[in-house]
Amino acid sequence: MSHDANTQHRRLRIILEGTVQGFGLRPTVYRIAQKLRLKGFVRNVDAGVEIEIEGSSQQIDSFFYQFKVERPATAVVTTEDIQRVTSLGSLWFEILPDIKHAPPSGFEPKNAQTRAADLHKIAG
């Protein structure tokens, strides 16, 4: 029995870097994935946001299209790394807890005002 490209399942890991945390990106990804019945997860990581989606080629193509249309305008993606990974047979899509490592010594987290100023510079 052969599988055509639309029924064959695959899993992708997507790492989005840039100013991507704190702008509603994870809920947007979750809503799109739920609508398309994709499996996997989304979470914040040190580098930005990590997304793993599993589904048919058609579902995944639709995800990328809808994500470009619905992505919060305030989220600025500077780097997008996409890799095919082993399918896990996940049963649902979920927002996982953040994976954060301890900040380097002397690191001062940006407050909302500083982040807004940075965003203004980038949009500039």
C-alpha atoms as a PDB file:
ATOM      1  CA  MET A   1       0.000   0.000   0.000  1.00  0.00           C
ATOM      2  CA  SER A   2       1.499   3.347  -0.990  1.00  0.00           C
ATOM      3  CA  HIS A   3       1.132   6.606   0.889  1.00  0.00           C
ATOM      4  CA  ASP A   4       0.808   9.860  -0.983  1.00  0.00           C
ATOM      5  CA  ALA A   5       2.503  13.038   0.251  1.00  0.00           C
ATOM      6  CA  ASN A   6      -0.689  14.357   1.867  1.00  0.00           C
ATOM      7  CA  THR A   7      -1.268  11.319   4.105  1.00  0.00           C
ATOM      8  CA  GLN A   8       2.330  10.588   5.110  1.00  0.00           C
ATOM      9  CA  HIS A   9       3.036  11.904   8.600  1.00  0.00           C
ATOM     10  CA  ARG A  10       6.184  13.776   9.489  1.00  0.00           C
ATOM     11  CA  ARG A  11       7.462  15.797  12.434  1.00  0.00           C
ATOM     12  CA  LEU A  12       9.363  19.071  12.277  1.00  0.00           C
ATOM     13  CA  ARG A  13      11.284  20.984  14.958  1.00  0.00           C
ATOM     14  CA  ILE A  14      11.180  24.740  14.430  1.00  0.00           C
ATOM     15  CA  ILE A  15      13.318  27.135  16.473  1.00  0.00           C
ATOM     16  CA  LEU A  16      12.346  30.804  16.163  1.00  0.00           C
ATOM     17  CA  GLU A  17      14.883  33.332  17.414  1.00  0.00           C
ATOM     18  CA  GLY A  18      14.526  37.074  17.791  1.00  0.00           C
ATOM     19  CA  THR A  19      12.106  39.131  19.842  1.00  0.00           C
ATOM     20  CA  VAL A  20       9.603  36.288  20.084  1.00  0.00           C
ATOM     21  CA  GLN A  21       8.770  35.847  23.772  1.00  0.00           C
ATOM     22  CA  GLY A  22       6.046  37.787  25.548  1.00  0.00           C
ATOM     23  CA  PHE A  23       3.974  38.696  22.478  1.00  0.00           C
ATOM     24  CA  GLY A  24       1.418  35.862  22.332  1.00  0.00           C
ATOM     25  CA  LEU A  25       3.366  33.657  19.935  1.00  0.00           C
ATOM     26  CA  ARG A  26       2.830  30.402  21.870  1.00  0.00           C
ATOM     27  CA  PRO A  27      -0.965  30.826  22.133  1.00  0.00           C
ATOM     28  CA  THR A  28      -1.079  31.679  18.412  1.00  0.00           C
ATOM     29  CA  VAL A  29       0.896  28.542  17.525  1.00  0.00           C
ATOM     30  CA  TYR A  30      -1.331  26.482  19.832  1.00  0.00           C
ATOM     31  CA  ARG A  31      -4.551  27.828  18.299  1.00  0.00           C
ATOM     32  CA  ILE A  32      -3.358  27.142  14.722  1.00  0.00           C
ATOM     33  CA  ALA A  33      -2.104  23.650  15.627  1.00  0.00           C
ATOM     34  CA  GLN A  34      -5.423  22.821  17.328  1.00  0.00           C
ATOM     35  CA  LYS A  35      -7.412  24.074  14.352  1.00  0.00           C
ATOM     36  CA  LEU A  36      -5.335  21.915  11.969  1.00  0.00           C
ATOM     37  CA  ARG A  37      -5.326  18.910  14.345  1.00  0.00           C
ATOM     38  CA  LEU A  38      -1.530  18.825  14.483  1.00  0.00           C
ATOM     39  CA  LYS A  39       0.281  17.026  17.285  1.00  0.00           C
ATOM     40  CA  GLY A  40       3.342  18.220  19.194  1.00  0.00           C
ATOM     41  CA  PHE A  41       4.202  21.178  21.397  1.00  0.00           C
ATOM     42  CA  VAL A  42       5.394  24.767  21.695  1.00  0.00           C
ATOM     43  CA  ARG A  43       7.540  26.235  24.483  1.00  0.00           C
ATOM     44  CA  ASN A  44       9.942  29.044  25.300  1.00  0.00           C
ATOM     45  CA  VAL A  45      13.628  28.103  25.311  1.00  0.00           C
ATOM     46  CA  ASP A  46      16.755  30.170  25.854  1.00  0.00           C
ATOM     47  CA  ALA A  47      17.157  30.736  22.104  1.00  0.00           C
ATOM     48  CA  GLY A  48      13.536  31.844  21.595  1.00  0.00           C
ATOM     49  CA  VAL A  49      10.546  29.598  20.875  1.00  0.00           C
ATOM     50  CA  GLU A  50      10.676  25.887  20.048  1.00  0.00           C
ATOM     51  CA  ILE A  51       7.832  24.282  18.103  1.00  0.00           C
ATOM     52  CA  GLU A  52       7.455  20.618  17.191  1.00  0.00           C
ATOM     53  CA  ILE A  53       4.581  19.803  14.853  1.00  0.00           C
ATOM     54  CA  GLU A  54       3.542  16.394  13.608  1.00  0.00           C
ATOM     55  CA  GLY A  55       0.991  15.703  10.902  1.00  0.00           C
ATOM     56  CA  SER A  56       0.481  15.238   7.188  1.00  0.00           C
ATOM     57  CA  SER A  57       2.365  17.322   4.637  1.00  0.00           C
ATOM     58  CA  GLN A  58      -0.868  19.191   3.892  1.00  0.00           C
ATOM     59  CA  GLN A  59      -1.454  19.994   7.575  1.00  0.00           C
ATOM     60  CA  ILE A  60       2.128  21.197   8.005  1.00  0.00           C
ATOM     61  CA  ASP A  61       1.994  23.335   4.843  1.00  0.00           C
ATOM     62  CA  SER A  62      -1.267  24.871   6.126  1.00  0.00           C
ATOM     63  CA  PHE A  63       0.397  25.552   9.488  1.00  0.00           C
ATOM     64  CA  PHE A  64       3.225  27.532   7.876  1.00  0.00           C
ATOM     65  CA  TYR A  65       0.774  29.550   5.766  1.00  0.00           C
ATOM     66  CA  GLN A  66      -1.541  30.330   8.695  1.00  0.00           C
ATOM     67  CA  PHE A  67       1.373  31.118  10.994  1.00  0.00           C
ATOM     68  CA  LYS A  68       2.684  33.739   8.550  1.00  0.00           C
ATOM     69  CA  VAL A  69      -0.788  35.306   8.355  1.00  0.00           C
ATOM     70  CA  GLU A  70      -1.661  35.155  12.083  1.00  0.00           C
ATOM     71  CA  ARG A  71       1.735  35.669  13.741  1.00  0.00           C
ATOM     72  CA  PRO A  72       1.614  38.584  16.200  1.00  0.00           C
ATOM     73  CA  ALA A  73       3.011  41.670  14.444  1.00  0.00           C
ATOM     74  CA  THR A  74       5.040  42.549  17.554  1.00  0.00           C
ATOM     75  CA  ALA A  75       6.954  39.235  17.432  1.00  0.00           C
ATOM     76  CA  VAL A  76      10.108  39.770  15.383  1.00  0.00           C
ATOM     77  CA  VAL A  77      11.651  36.542  14.044  1.00  0.00           C
ATOM     78  CA  THR A  78      15.286  37.014  13.020  1.00  0.00           C
ATOM     79  CA  THR A  79      16.233  33.346  12.594  1.00  0.00           C
ATOM     80  CA  GLU A  80      14.085  30.334  11.726  1.00  0.00           C
ATOM     81  CA  ASP A  81      15.703  26.883  11.953  1.00  0.00           C
ATOM     82  CA  ILE A  82      13.591  23.959  10.693  1.00  0.00           C
ATOM     83  CA  GLN A  83      14.659  20.323  11.019  1.00  0.00           C
ATOM     84  CA  ARG A  84      12.881  17.071  10.301  1.00  0.00           C
ATOM     85  CA  VAL A  85      12.892  14.879  13.427  1.00  0.00           C
ATOM     86  CA  THR A  86      11.646  11.401  14.281  1.00  0.00           C
ATOM     87  CA  SER A  87       7.862  11.131  14.532  1.00  0.00           C
ATOM     88  CA  LEU A  88       6.826  10.410  18.101  1.00  0.00           C
ATOM     89  CA  GLY A  89       3.170   9.585  17.552  1.00  0.00           C
ATOM     90  CA  SER A  90       2.073  12.364  19.907  1.00  0.00           C
ATOM     91  CA  LEU A  91      -1.613  12.313  20.776  1.00  0.00           C
ATOM     92  CA  TRP A  92      -2.233  16.078  21.060  1.00  0.00           C
ATOM     93  CA  PHE A  93      -0.678  19.539  20.820  1.00  0.00           C
ATOM     94  CA  GLU A  94       0.271  21.359  24.002  1.00  0.00           C
ATOM     95  CA  ILE A  95       2.093  24.349  25.444  1.00  0.00           C
ATOM     96  CA  LEU A  96       4.954  22.973  27.527  1.00  0.00           C
ATOM     97  CA  PRO A  97       6.696  24.726  30.421  1.00  0.00           C
ATOM     98  CA  ASP A  98       9.653  26.929  29.516  1.00  0.00           C
ATOM     99  CA  ILE A  99      13.142  25.456  29.409  1.00  0.00           C
ATOM    100  CA  LYS A 100      15.462  28.125  30.750  1.00  0.00           C
ATOM    101  CA  HIS A 101      19.028  27.804  31.913  1.00  0.00           C
ATOM    102  CA  ALA A 102      20.483  30.016  34.592  1.00  0.00           C
ATOM    103  CA  PRO A 103      21.484  33.400  33.159  1.00  0.00           C
ATOM    104  CA  PRO A 104      25.194  34.201  33.046  1.00  0.00           C
ATOM    105  CA  SER A 105      26.628  36.034  36.004  1.00  0.00           C
ATOM    106  CA  GLY A 106      26.053  39.785  35.757  1.00  0.00           C
ATOM    107  CA  PHE A 107      23.037  39.298  33.479  1.00  0.00           C
ATOM    108  CA  GLU A 108      20.191  41.706  34.085  1.00  0.00           C
ATOM    109  CA  PRO A 109      16.827  40.692  32.613  1.00  0.00           C
ATOM    110  CA  LYS A 110      15.124  43.308  30.470  1.00  0.00           C
ATOM    111  CA  ASN A 111      11.982  44.822  31.832  1.00  0.00           C
ATOM    112  CA  ALA A 112       8.928  45.537  29.671  1.00  0.00           C
ATOM    113  CA  GLN A 113       9.962  49.169  29.125  1.00  0.00           C
ATOM    114  CA  THR A 114      13.427  48.179  27.860  1.00  0.00           C
ATOM    115  CA  ARG A 115      11.909  45.482  25.629  1.00  0.00           C
ATOM    116  CA  ALA A 116       9.481  48.032  24.146  1.00  0.00           C
ATOM    117  CA  ALA A 117      12.405  50.392  23.436  1.00  0.00           C
ATOM    118  CA  ASP A 118      14.321  47.556  21.732  1.00  0.00           C
ATOM    119  CA  LEU A 119      11.267  46.719  19.647  1.00  0.00           C
ATOM    120  CA  HIS A 120      10.958  50.349  18.614  1.00  0.00           C
ATOM    121  CA  LYS A 121      14.612  50.335  17.471  1.00  0.00           C
ATOM    122  CA  ILE A 122      14.085  47.135  15.442  1.00  0.00           C
ATOM    123  CA  ALA A 123      10.848  48.407  13.856  1.00  0.00           C
ATOM    124  CA  GLY A 124      12.497  51.690  13.359  1.00  0.00           C
END
